[in-house]
C-alpha atoms as a PDB file:
ATOM      1  CA  MET A   1     -30.755   9.737  35.438  1.00  0.00           C
ATOM      2  CA  ALA A   2     -33.243   8.245  37.989  1.00  0.00           C
ATOM      3  CA  ARG A   3     -34.882   6.172  35.202  1.00  0.00           C
ATOM      4  CA  PHE A   4     -31.440   4.812  34.035  1.00  0.00           C
ATOM      5  CA  LYS A   5     -30.435   4.029  37.594  1.00  0.00           C
ATOM      6  CA  GLN A   6     -33.630   2.028  38.049  1.00  0.00           C
ATOM      7  CA  ILE A   7     -32.759  -0.012  34.990  1.00  0.00           C
ATOM      8  CA  GLU A   8     -29.212  -0.604  36.197  1.00  0.00           C
ATOM      9  CA  THR A   9     -30.580  -1.684  39.614  1.00  0.00           C
ATOM     10  CA  PHE A  10     -33.196  -3.992  38.001  1.00  0.00           C
ATOM     11  CA  VAL A  11     -30.449  -5.770  35.931  1.00  0.00           C
ATOM     12  CA  ALA A  12     -28.160  -6.034  38.971  1.00  0.00           C
ATOM     13  CA  VAL A  13     -30.889  -7.570  41.145  1.00  0.00           C
ATOM     14  CA  ALA A  14     -31.777 -10.060  38.428  1.00  0.00           C
ATOM     15  CA  ALA A  15     -28.117 -11.021  38.090  1.00  0.00           C
ATOM     16  CA  LYS A  16     -27.384 -11.207  41.794  1.00  0.00           C
ATOM     17  CA  GLY A  17     -30.628 -12.910  42.723  1.00  0.00           C
ATOM     18  CA  SER A  18     -31.471 -10.703  45.752  1.00  0.00           C
ATOM     19  CA  LEU A  19     -31.769  -7.113  46.874  1.00  0.00           C
ATOM     20  CA  SER A  20     -29.139  -7.487  49.572  1.00  0.00           C
ATOM     21  CA  ALA A  21     -26.569  -8.931  47.132  1.00  0.00           C
ATOM     22  CA  ALA A  22     -27.162  -6.053  44.715  1.00  0.00           C
ATOM     23  CA  ALA A  23     -27.041  -3.504  47.576  1.00  0.00           C
ATOM     24  CA  GLN A  24     -23.777  -4.959  48.859  1.00  0.00           C
ATOM     25  CA  ALA A  25     -22.196  -4.728  45.443  1.00  0.00           C
ATOM     26  CA  GLU A  26     -23.123  -1.064  45.165  1.00  0.00           C
ATOM     27  CA  GLY A  27     -22.369  -0.307  48.836  1.00  0.00           C
ATOM     28  CA  ILE A  28     -25.777   1.038  49.795  1.00  0.00           C
ATOM     29  CA  ALA A  29     -28.659  -0.204  51.958  1.00  0.00           C
ATOM     30  CA  PRO A  30     -31.045  -2.886  50.595  1.00  0.00           C
ATOM     31  CA  ALA A  31     -33.976  -0.500  51.268  1.00  0.00           C
ATOM     32  CA  MET A  32     -32.648   1.837  48.631  1.00  0.00           C
ATOM     33  CA  ILE A  33     -32.560  -0.996  46.105  1.00  0.00           C
ATOM     34  CA  GLY A  34     -36.138  -1.869  47.012  1.00  0.00           C
ATOM     35  CA  ARG A  35     -37.292   1.708  46.506  1.00  0.00           C
ATOM     36  CA  ARG A  36     -35.721   1.853  43.025  1.00  0.00           C
ATOM     37  CA  LEU A  37     -37.539  -1.318  42.008  1.00  0.00           C
ATOM     38  CA  ASP A  38     -40.807  -0.134  43.449  1.00  0.00           C
ATOM     39  CA  ALA A  39     -40.492   3.150  41.477  1.00  0.00           C
ATOM     40  CA  LEU A  40     -39.631   1.237  38.261  1.00  0.00           C
ATOM     41  CA  GLU A  41     -42.581  -1.110  38.623  1.00  0.00           C
ATOM     42  CA  GLU A  42     -44.920   1.733  39.413  1.00  0.00           C
ATOM     43  CA  ARG A  43     -43.761   3.678  36.398  1.00  0.00           C
ATOM     44  CA  LEU A  44     -44.155   0.662  34.077  1.00  0.00           C
ATOM     45  CA  GLY A  45     -47.489  -0.478  35.614  1.00  0.00           C
ATOM     46  CA  VAL A  46     -46.273  -4.135  35.809  1.00  0.00           C
ATOM     47  CA  LYS A  47     -44.684  -6.424  38.284  1.00  0.00           C
ATOM     48  CA  LEU A  48     -41.181  -7.352  37.387  1.00  0.00           C
ATOM     49  CA  PHE A  49     -40.419  -9.691  40.326  1.00  0.00           C
ATOM     50  CA  VAL A  50     -42.417 -12.039  42.492  1.00  0.00           C
ATOM     51  CA  ARG A  51     -40.806 -11.346  45.857  1.00  0.00           C
ATOM     52  CA  THR A  52     -40.858 -13.722  48.789  1.00  0.00           C
ATOM     53  CA  THR A  53     -38.855 -13.730  52.004  1.00  0.00           C
ATOM     54  CA  ARG A  54     -36.549 -16.344  50.465  1.00  0.00           C
ATOM     55  CA  LYS A  55     -36.053 -15.381  46.802  1.00  0.00           C
ATOM     56  CA  LEU A  56     -36.939 -13.170  43.883  1.00  0.00           C
ATOM     57  CA  THR A  57     -38.433 -14.661  40.708  1.00  0.00           C
ATOM     58  CA  LEU A  58     -38.825 -12.798  37.457  1.00  0.00           C
ATOM     59  CA  THR A  59     -42.346 -12.495  36.063  1.00  0.00           C
ATOM     60  CA  PHE A  60     -43.025 -13.064  32.377  1.00  0.00           C
ATOM     61  CA  GLU A  61     -42.939  -9.282  31.821  1.00  0.00           C
ATOM     62  CA  GLY A  62     -39.798  -9.034  33.917  1.00  0.00           C
ATOM     63  CA  SER A  63     -37.985 -11.651  31.825  1.00  0.00           C
ATOM     64  CA  ALA A  64     -38.826  -9.843  28.538  1.00  0.00           C
ATOM     65  CA  PHE A  65     -37.886  -6.483  30.020  1.00  0.00           C
ATOM     66  CA  LEU A  66     -34.588  -7.869  31.326  1.00  0.00           C
ATOM     67  CA  GLU A  67     -33.409  -8.901  27.838  1.00  0.00           C
ATOM     68  CA  ASP A  68     -34.005  -5.350  26.499  1.00  0.00           C
ATOM     69  CA  CYS A  69     -32.340  -3.707  29.524  1.00  0.00           C
ATOM     70  CA  GLN A  70     -29.241  -5.908  29.257  1.00  0.00           C
ATOM     71  CA  ARG A  71     -28.988  -5.055  25.545  1.00  0.00           C
ATOM     72  CA  ILE A  72     -29.275  -1.357  26.260  1.00  0.00           C
ATOM     73  CA  LEU A  73     -26.553  -1.457  28.894  1.00  0.00           C
ATOM     74  CA  ARG A  74     -24.365  -3.569  26.676  1.00  0.00           C
ATOM     75  CA  GLU A  75     -24.727  -1.182  23.713  1.00  0.00           C
ATOM     76  CA  LEU A  76     -23.951   1.798  25.974  1.00  0.00           C
ATOM     77  CA  HIS A  77     -20.839  -0.005  27.270  1.00  0.00           C
ATOM     78  CA  ASP A  78     -19.679  -0.778  23.716  1.00  0.00           C
ATOM     79  CA  ALA A  79     -20.405   2.713  22.511  1.00  0.00           C
ATOM     80  CA  GLU A  80     -18.362   4.290  25.207  1.00  0.00           C
ATOM     81  CA  ALA A  81     -15.493   1.766  24.778  1.00  0.00           C
ATOM     82  CA  SER A  82     -15.346   2.393  20.950  1.00  0.00           C
ATOM     83  CA  VAL A  83     -14.755   6.159  21.405  1.00  0.00           C
ATOM     84  CA  SER A  84     -12.691   6.218  24.553  1.00  0.00           C
ATOM     85  CA  ALA A  85      -8.894   5.761  24.339  1.00  0.00           C
ATOM     86  CA  GLY A  86      -8.989   4.324  27.828  1.00  0.00           C
ATOM     87  CA  GLY A  87     -12.137   2.326  27.254  1.00  0.00           C
ATOM     88  CA  VAL A  88     -12.806  -1.372  27.691  1.00  0.00           C
ATOM     89  CA  LYS A  89     -10.888  -3.428  25.205  1.00  0.00           C
ATOM     90  CA  ALA A  90     -12.557  -5.591  22.552  1.00  0.00           C
ATOM     91  CA  SER A  91     -12.451  -9.287  23.454  1.00  0.00           C
ATOM     92  CA  GLY A  92     -13.840 -12.641  22.479  1.00  0.00           C
ATOM     93  CA  HIS A  93     -13.643 -14.660  19.330  1.00  0.00           C
ATOM     94  CA  LEU A  94     -14.217 -13.263  15.837  1.00  0.00           C
ATOM     95  CA  ARG A  95     -15.340 -15.618  13.022  1.00  0.00           C
ATOM     96  CA  VAL A  96     -15.045 -14.138   9.521  1.00  0.00           C
ATOM     97  CA  SER A  97     -15.909 -15.536   6.068  1.00  0.00           C
ATOM     98  CA  ALA A  98     -14.413 -14.295   2.832  1.00  0.00           C
ATOM     99  CA  PRO A  99     -14.091 -15.345  -0.822  1.00  0.00           C
ATOM    100  CA  ALA A 100     -10.990 -17.566  -1.257  1.00  0.00           C
ATOM    101  CA  GLY A 101      -8.958 -15.412  -3.708  1.00  0.00           C
ATOM    102  CA  PHE A 102      -9.903 -11.999  -2.237  1.00  0.00           C
ATOM    103  CA  GLY A 103      -9.539 -13.313   1.286  1.00  0.00           C
ATOM    104  CA  ARG A 104      -6.011 -14.591   0.697  1.00  0.00           C
ATOM    105  CA  LYS A 105      -4.775 -11.276  -0.695  1.00  0.00           C
ATOM    106  CA  HIS A 106      -6.845  -8.675   1.223  1.00  0.00           C
ATOM    107  CA  VAL A 107      -8.210 -10.128   4.398  1.00  0.00           C
ATOM    108  CA  ALA A 108      -5.640 -12.679   5.664  1.00  0.00           C
ATOM    109  CA  PRO A 109      -2.647 -10.313   5.504  1.00  0.00           C
ATOM    110  CA  LEU A 110      -4.582  -7.711   7.583  1.00  0.00           C
ATOM    111  CA  LEU A 111      -5.708 -10.051  10.365  1.00  0.00           C
ATOM    112  CA  PRO A 112      -2.334 -10.219  12.198  1.00  0.00           C
ATOM    113  CA  LEU A 113      -2.340  -6.387  12.298  1.00  0.00           C
ATOM    114  CA  PHE A 114      -5.849  -6.366  13.700  1.00  0.00           C
ATOM    115  CA  ALA A 115      -4.934  -9.094  16.221  1.00  0.00           C
ATOM    116  CA  SER A 116      -1.867  -7.184  17.323  1.00  0.00           C
ATOM    117  CA  ALA A 117      -3.959  -4.065  17.954  1.00  0.00           C
ATOM    118  CA  HIS A 118      -6.543  -6.116  19.905  1.00  0.00           C
ATOM    119  CA  PRO A 119      -4.706  -8.861  21.842  1.00  0.00           C
ATOM    120  CA  ASP A 120      -7.866  -9.933  23.628  1.00  0.00           C
ATOM    121  CA  VAL A 121      -9.541 -10.960  20.378  1.00  0.00           C
ATOM    122  CA  THR A 122      -9.014 -14.344  18.710  1.00  0.00           C
ATOM    123  CA  VAL A 123      -9.868 -14.845  15.047  1.00  0.00           C
ATOM    124  CA  THR A 124     -10.946 -17.615  12.709  1.00  0.00           C
ATOM    125  CA  LEU A 125     -10.937 -16.831   8.971  1.00  0.00           C
ATOM    126  CA  ASP A 126     -12.872 -19.134   6.677  1.00  0.00           C
ATOM    127  CA  LEU A 127     -11.927 -18.798   2.996  1.00  0.00           C
ATOM    128  CA  SER A 128     -14.643 -20.125   0.735  1.00  0.00           C
ATOM    129  CA  ASP A 129     -16.393 -19.052  -2.489  1.00  0.00           C
ATOM    130  CA  ARG A 130     -19.694 -20.447  -1.239  1.00  0.00           C
ATOM    131  CA  LEU A 131     -22.291 -18.195   0.544  1.00  0.00           C
ATOM    132  CA  VAL A 132     -22.073 -19.208   4.204  1.00  0.00           C
ATOM    133  CA  ASP A 133     -25.109 -19.146   6.430  1.00  0.00           C
ATOM    134  CA  LEU A 134     -23.935 -16.571   8.956  1.00  0.00           C
ATOM    135  CA  VAL A 135     -26.445 -17.321  11.682  1.00  0.00           C
ATOM    136  CA  ASN A 136     -26.584 -21.128  11.515  1.00  0.00           C
ATOM    137  CA  GLU A 137     -22.851 -21.521  11.012  1.00  0.00           C
ATOM    138  CA  GLY A 138     -21.839 -19.045  13.682  1.00  0.00           C
ATOM    139  CA  PHE A 139     -20.068 -16.382  11.625  1.00  0.00           C
ATOM    140  CA  ASP A 140     -19.931 -12.821  12.919  1.00  0.00           C
ATOM    141  CA  CYS A 141     -19.551 -11.303   9.421  1.00  0.00           C
ATOM    142  CA  ALA A 142     -18.774 -12.179   5.811  1.00  0.00           C
ATOM    143  CA  ILE A 143     -16.963 -10.242   3.106  1.00  0.00           C
ATOM    144  CA  ARG A 144     -18.747 -10.369  -0.281  1.00  0.00           C
ATOM    145  CA  LEU A 145     -17.964  -8.852  -3.706  1.00  0.00           C
ATOM    146  CA  GLY A 146     -20.490  -7.577  -6.256  1.00  0.00           C
ATOM    147  CA  GLU A 147     -24.335  -7.264  -6.114  1.00  0.00           C
ATOM    148  CA  LEU A 148     -25.820  -8.515  -2.885  1.00  0.00           C
ATOM    149  CA  PRO A 149     -28.915 -10.713  -3.090  1.00  0.00           C
ATOM    150  CA  ASP A 150     -31.960  -9.562  -1.199  1.00  0.00           C
ATOM    151  CA  SER A 151     -31.856 -10.942   2.313  1.00  0.00           C
ATOM    152  CA  SER A 152     -32.296 -10.018   5.920  1.00  0.00           C
ATOM    153  CA  LEU A 153     -28.591  -9.339   6.331  1.00  0.00           C
ATOM    154  CA  VAL A 154     -27.263  -5.879   7.053  1.00  0.00           C
ATOM    155  CA  SER A 155     -24.503  -4.727   4.713  1.00  0.00           C
ATOM    156  CA  LEU A 156     -21.613  -2.222   5.038  1.00  0.00           C
ATOM    157  CA  LYS A 157     -19.763  -1.018   1.968  1.00  0.00           C
ATOM    158  CA  LEU A 158     -15.981  -1.343   2.600  1.00  0.00           C
ATOM    159  CA  GLY A 159     -14.740  -0.312  -0.834  1.00  0.00           C
ATOM    160  CA  GLU A 160     -15.091  -0.694  -4.592  1.00  0.00           C
ATOM    161  CA  ASN A 161     -13.936  -3.379  -6.964  1.00  0.00           C
ATOM    162  CA  ARG A 162     -13.000  -2.490 -10.559  1.00  0.00           C
ATOM    163  CA  ARG A 163     -12.941  -5.145 -13.265  1.00  0.00           C
ATOM    164  CA  VAL A 164     -10.389  -4.658 -16.050  1.00  0.00           C
ATOM    165  CA  CYS A 165      -9.454  -6.509 -19.222  1.00  0.00           C
ATOM    166  CA  VAL A 166      -5.748  -7.413 -19.107  1.00  0.00           C
ATOM    167  CA  ALA A 167      -3.071  -9.300 -20.958  1.00  0.00           C
ATOM    168  CA  ALA A 168       0.675  -9.883 -20.748  1.00  0.00           C
ATOM    169  CA  PRO A 169       2.886  -7.710 -22.972  1.00  0.00           C
ATOM    170  CA  SER A 170       4.034 -10.859 -24.802  1.00  0.00           C
ATOM    171  CA  TYR A 171       0.482 -11.797 -25.802  1.00  0.00           C
ATOM    172  CA  LEU A 172      -0.295  -8.281 -27.070  1.00  0.00           C
ATOM    173  CA  GLU A 173       2.903  -8.213 -29.124  1.00  0.00           C
ATOM    174  CA  ARG A 174       1.893 -11.427 -30.864  1.00  0.00           C
ATOM    175  CA  ASN A 175      -1.805 -10.723 -31.302  1.00  0.00           C
ATOM    176  CA  GLY A 176      -2.283  -6.984 -31.234  1.00  0.00           C
ATOM    177  CA  VAL A 177      -4.168  -4.721 -28.807  1.00  0.00           C
ATOM    178  CA  PRO A 178      -7.967  -4.780 -29.126  1.00  0.00           C
ATOM    179  CA  ALA A 179      -9.403  -1.362 -29.696  1.00  0.00           C
ATOM    180  CA  THR A 180     -13.109  -2.240 -29.745  1.00  0.00           C
ATOM    181  CA  LEU A 181     -15.327  -4.700 -27.931  1.00  0.00           C
ATOM    182  CA  ASP A 182     -16.093  -6.463 -31.215  1.00  0.00           C
ATOM    183  CA  GLU A 183     -12.411  -7.298 -31.584  1.00  0.00           C
ATOM    184  CA  LEU A 184     -12.620  -9.602 -28.585  1.00  0.00           C
ATOM    185  CA  ALA A 185     -14.082 -12.207 -30.913  1.00  0.00           C
ATOM    186  CA  ARG A 186     -10.670 -12.719 -32.541  1.00  0.00           C
ATOM    187  CA  HIS A 187      -8.731 -13.004 -29.298  1.00  0.00           C
ATOM    188  CA  ASN A 188      -8.092 -15.918 -27.008  1.00  0.00           C
ATOM    189  CA  CYS A 189     -10.133 -15.023 -23.936  1.00  0.00           C
ATOM    190  CA  LEU A 190      -9.367 -16.858 -20.716  1.00  0.00           C
ATOM    191  CA  ALA A 191     -12.838 -17.227 -19.067  1.00  0.00           C
ATOM    192  CA  LEU A 192     -14.251 -18.779 -15.949  1.00  0.00           C
ATOM    193  CA  ALA A 193     -15.615 -22.201 -16.732  1.00  0.00           C
ATOM    194  CA  ALA A 194     -19.299 -21.997 -17.431  1.00  0.00           C
ATOM    195  CA  ASN A 195     -21.989 -24.330 -16.129  1.00  0.00           C
ATOM    196  CA  ALA A 196     -25.519 -24.884 -17.197  1.00  0.00           C
ATOM    197  CA  ASN A 197     -26.675 -21.761 -15.403  1.00  0.00           C
ATOM    198  CA  GLN A 198     -23.996 -19.366 -16.517  1.00  0.00           C
ATOM    199  CA  GLN A 199     -22.797 -17.831 -19.704  1.00  0.00           C
ATOM    200  CA  ARG A 200     -19.210 -16.801 -20.397  1.00  0.00           C
ATOM    201  CA  ALA A 201     -19.640 -13.063 -20.585  1.00  0.00           C
ATOM    202  CA  TRP A 202     -17.587 -10.051 -19.654  1.00  0.00           C
ATOM    203  CA  SER A 203     -19.290  -6.722 -18.693  1.00  0.00           C
ATOM    204  CA  PHE A 204     -18.446  -3.391 -20.209  1.00  0.00           C
ATOM    205  CA  MET A 205     -19.935   0.074 -20.941  1.00  0.00           C
ATOM    206  CA  ARG A 206     -20.625   1.058 -24.560  1.00  0.00           C
ATOM    207  CA  GLU A 207     -22.155   4.391 -25.456  1.00  0.00           C
ATOM    208  CA  GLY A 208     -23.387   4.807 -21.872  1.00  0.00           C
ATOM    209  CA  GLU A 209     -25.072   1.412 -21.678  1.00  0.00           C
ATOM    210  CA  ALA A 210     -24.027  -1.774 -19.858  1.00  0.00           C
ATOM    211  CA  VAL A 211     -23.271  -4.638 -22.280  1.00  0.00           C
ATOM    212  CA  SER A 212     -22.307  -8.240 -21.699  1.00  0.00           C
ATOM    213  CA  ILE A 213     -19.874  -9.642 -24.278  1.00  0.00           C
ATOM    214  CA  LYS A 214     -19.788 -13.391 -24.809  1.00  0.00           C
ATOM    215  CA  VAL A 215     -16.164 -14.508 -25.152  1.00  0.00           C
ATOM    216  CA  SER A 216     -14.429 -17.699 -26.153  1.00  0.00           C
ATOM    217  CA  GLY A 217     -10.939 -19.178 -26.094  1.00  0.00           C
ATOM    218  CA  THR A 218      -8.916 -22.340 -26.021  1.00  0.00           C
ATOM    219  CA  MET A 219      -8.859 -22.635 -22.203  1.00  0.00           C
ATOM    220  CA  GLU A 220     -11.198 -21.913 -19.336  1.00  0.00           C
ATOM    221  CA  CYS A 221     -11.011 -22.696 -15.599  1.00  0.00           C
ATOM    222  CA  SER A 222     -13.297 -22.562 -12.564  1.00  0.00           C
ATOM    223  CA  ASP A 223     -10.440 -21.093 -10.531  1.00  0.00           C
ATOM    224  CA  GLY A 224      -9.733 -17.375 -10.996  1.00  0.00           C
ATOM    225  CA  ALA A 225      -6.203 -17.681  -9.644  1.00  0.00           C
ATOM    226  CA  VAL A 226      -5.425 -20.172 -12.512  1.00  0.00           C
ATOM    227  CA  LEU A 227      -6.764 -17.698 -15.093  1.00  0.00           C
ATOM    228  CA  HIS A 228      -4.544 -15.055 -13.573  1.00  0.00           C
ATOM    229  CA  GLU A 229      -1.456 -17.268 -13.946  1.00  0.00           C
ATOM    230  CA  TRP A 230      -2.361 -18.146 -17.524  1.00  0.00           C
ATOM    231  CA  CYS A 231      -2.728 -14.477 -18.265  1.00  0.00           C
ATOM    232  CA  LEU A 232       0.610 -13.625 -16.761  1.00  0.00           C
ATOM    233  CA  ALA A 233       2.232 -16.438 -18.910  1.00  0.00           C
ATOM    234  CA  GLY A 234       0.856 -14.779 -22.089  1.00  0.00           C
ATOM    235  CA  TYR A 235      -1.842 -17.287 -23.084  1.00  0.00           C
ATOM    236  CA  GLY A 236      -4.639 -14.765 -23.609  1.00  0.00           C
ATOM    237  CA  LEU A 237      -6.844 -11.908 -22.421  1.00  0.00           C
ATOM    238  CA  ALA A 238      -8.509 -12.059 -18.963  1.00  0.00           C
ATOM    239  CA  TRP A 239     -11.175 -10.066 -17.311  1.00  0.00           C
ATOM    240  CA  ARG A 240     -10.072  -9.768 -13.676  1.00  0.00           C
ATOM    241  CA  SER A 241     -10.628  -7.673 -10.591  1.00  0.00           C
ATOM    242  CA  TRP A 242      -8.342  -4.794  -9.836  1.00  0.00           C
ATOM    243  CA  TRP A 243      -7.633  -6.252  -6.337  1.00  0.00           C
ATOM    244  CA  GLU A 244      -6.077  -9.243  -8.109  1.00  0.00           C
ATOM    245  CA  VAL A 245      -4.098  -7.635 -10.962  1.00  0.00           C
ATOM    246  CA  GLY A 246      -3.471  -4.036  -9.791  1.00  0.00           C
ATOM    247  CA  ALA A 247       0.081  -4.929  -8.585  1.00  0.00           C
ATOM    248  CA  ASP A 248       0.814  -6.684 -11.891  1.00  0.00           C
ATOM    249  CA  ILE A 249      -0.355  -3.592 -13.849  1.00  0.00           C
ATOM    250  CA  ALA A 250       1.781  -1.318 -11.709  1.00  0.00           C
ATOM    251  CA  ALA A 251       4.807  -3.545 -12.273  1.00  0.00           C
ATOM    252  CA  GLY A 252       4.252  -3.876 -15.997  1.00  0.00           C
ATOM    253  CA  ARG A 253       3.631  -7.610 -15.913  1.00  0.00           C
ATOM    254  CA  LEU A 254       0.161  -7.033 -17.289  1.00  0.00           C
ATOM    255  CA  LEU A 255      -1.354  -4.263 -19.367  1.00  0.00           C
ATOM    256  CA  SER A 256      -4.931  -3.120 -19.225  1.00  0.00           C
ATOM    257  CA  VAL A 257      -6.893  -2.804 -22.531  1.00  0.00           C
ATOM    258  CA  LEU A 258     -10.297  -1.521 -23.502  1.00  0.00           C
ATOM    259  CA  ASP A 259     -10.142   0.891 -20.586  1.00  0.00           C
ATOM    260  CA  ARG A 260     -12.566   3.380 -22.179  1.00  0.00           C
ATOM    261  CA  PHE A 261     -15.246   0.553 -22.051  1.00  0.00           C
ATOM    262  CA  GLU A 262     -14.584  -0.243 -18.359  1.00  0.00           C
ATOM    263  CA  ALA A 263     -17.772  -0.998 -16.459  1.00  0.00           C
ATOM    264  CA  PRO A 264     -18.561   0.856 -13.239  1.00  0.00           C
ATOM    265  CA  PRO A 265     -17.062  -0.731 -10.141  1.00  0.00           C
ATOM    266  CA  VAL A 266     -19.072  -2.978  -7.852  1.00  0.00           C
ATOM    267  CA  GLY A 267     -19.010  -2.949  -4.080  1.00  0.00           C
ATOM    268  CA  ILE A 268     -16.904  -4.799  -1.561  1.00  0.00           C
ATOM    269  CA  HIS A 269     -19.294  -5.392   1.334  1.00  0.00           C
ATOM    270  CA  ALA A 270     -19.340  -6.804   4.739  1.00  0.00           C
ATOM    271  CA  VAL A 271     -22.593  -8.493   5.694  1.00  0.00           C
ATOM    272  CA  PHE A 272     -23.794  -9.476   9.190  1.00  0.00           C
ATOM    273  CA  ALA A 273     -26.956 -10.564  10.778  1.00  0.00           C
ATOM    274  CA  GLN A 274     -27.871  -7.422  12.704  1.00  0.00           C
ATOM    275  CA  ARG A 275     -26.570  -3.998  13.488  1.00  0.00           C
ATOM    276  CA  ARG A 276     -27.889  -3.188  16.980  1.00  0.00           C
ATOM    277  CA  HIS A 277     -26.349  -6.246  18.650  1.00  0.00           C
ATOM    278  CA  LEU A 278     -23.000  -6.100  16.812  1.00  0.00           C
ATOM    279  CA  PRO A 279     -20.210  -6.925  19.297  1.00  0.00           C
ATOM    280  CA  LEU A 280     -17.405  -4.336  19.700  1.00  0.00           C
ATOM    281  CA  ARG A 281     -14.795  -6.688  18.173  1.00  0.00           C
ATOM    282  CA  VAL A 282     -16.908  -6.951  14.986  1.00  0.00           C
ATOM    283  CA  ARG A 283     -17.402  -3.227  14.685  1.00  0.00           C
ATOM    284  CA  LEU A 284     -13.739  -2.475  15.236  1.00  0.00           C
ATOM    285  CA  PHE A 285     -12.692  -5.091  12.612  1.00  0.00           C
ATOM    286  CA  LEU A 286     -15.104  -3.639  10.061  1.00  0.00           C
ATOM    287  CA  ASP A 287     -13.827  -0.105  10.823  1.00  0.00           C
ATOM    288  CA  PHE A 288     -10.295  -1.423  10.325  1.00  0.00           C
ATOM    289  CA  LEU A 289     -11.078  -2.950   6.984  1.00  0.00           C
ATOM    290  CA  LYS A 290     -12.980   0.122   5.770  1.00  0.00           C
ATOM    291  CA  HIS A 291     -10.163   2.410   6.818  1.00  0.00           C
ATOM    292  CA  THR A 292      -7.500   0.277   5.170  1.00  0.00           C
ATOM    293  CA  TYR A 293      -9.388  -0.162   1.830  1.00  0.00           C
ATOM    294  CA  ALA A 294     -10.129   3.555   1.747  1.00  0.00           C
ATOM    295  CA  ALA A 295      -6.421   4.458   1.820  1.00  0.00           C
ATOM    296  CA  ALA A 296      -5.499   6.197  -1.544  1.00  0.00           C
ATOM    297  CA  ASP A 297      -2.497   3.914  -2.219  1.00  0.00           C
ATOM    298  CA  TYR A 298      -3.862   0.634  -0.910  1.00  0.00           C
ATOM    299  CA  TRP A 299      -5.065  -0.845  -4.198  1.00  0.00           C
ATOM    300  CA  GLN A 300      -1.906   0.287  -5.988  1.00  0.00           C
END
C-alpha cells in the first residue's frame, strides 16, 4: 500500500506542479507529500524531480516513469469501473470501422442500443470494405471477417461466419438441386466480379479436405448485396455468408444446397492497436458485440 500511495502522490505532484497543491488536494501537510517522494526516489535510486524553492521540474527519468504510472492508475480505474455497478461510466468518442454489408446489418442496428446504455459515449461508424489504418486514421477498433493478415494488431474473436450455397426456390424448380460439387459446372453461379489477382472460386469440404471450386455464370458483380438480390430473384446460385442470408433461409425465400460440403466457418474478429491501453468505452463495446453475437438465436 505504501508503494502504491507513493505512486499516486508522484502523479498528483506532477499534475499539480507543487507539493503544497498536491497536499491541499489530499488534505494533508506538504511535509507528508515530501516524505513520500523522498521514499519513492530512494527506493528507485533515481531523482524524479529537480526541486527548487519556486518550482518542481521532472527529470528525464521522472518523465518516463510518469507515463508508466499514469497508465497503471488509468488501467486500475478502468478495471474497477468495468466490474462495479456503481463505477465510473464509460465516456468519450468511439470510432469503429466495419465492412459495408456486415456493418449495415450487424453493427449499425446495435449501436443505438449501446449508445442508450452508455449516454456519455458518442460513436462514429465508418462502413467500408477497405482495410483502414487504425492508428493513422484514428479508429479505436475495426470489425473484420475471415482470415486475418499477420500484423501488429491485437484481435478478439466475436463470433463465427458460415458460408452457404443458396438459391431461390424458383431457380431450383427450373434447374434442379445440385447434389455434388461437380454439378456446379452446369448451374448459373452468381459470383463476385474477379480482378487480375482473384479467381472466382467457392470454398467447400470434400472427403475431409478443403477444395476451391471455380464457378461461372452469366452475371457477376463486385457488390455482394447485388448478388444477394439477384439470388432472391431466382437468377442463379450464390455463395453467401450466413449473416446475410440466414433470415431468408428461415423465411423460405432461399434454400441452402450442398450443405454436406459446407466449409468450416471463419471468424468474425475485432482488431485494435493494443490491449493494455484499450479505453473502457472500447472494451465495453467489444463485450457488447461478443455477447450479442454469442446469443443462440441471434443469427436466426
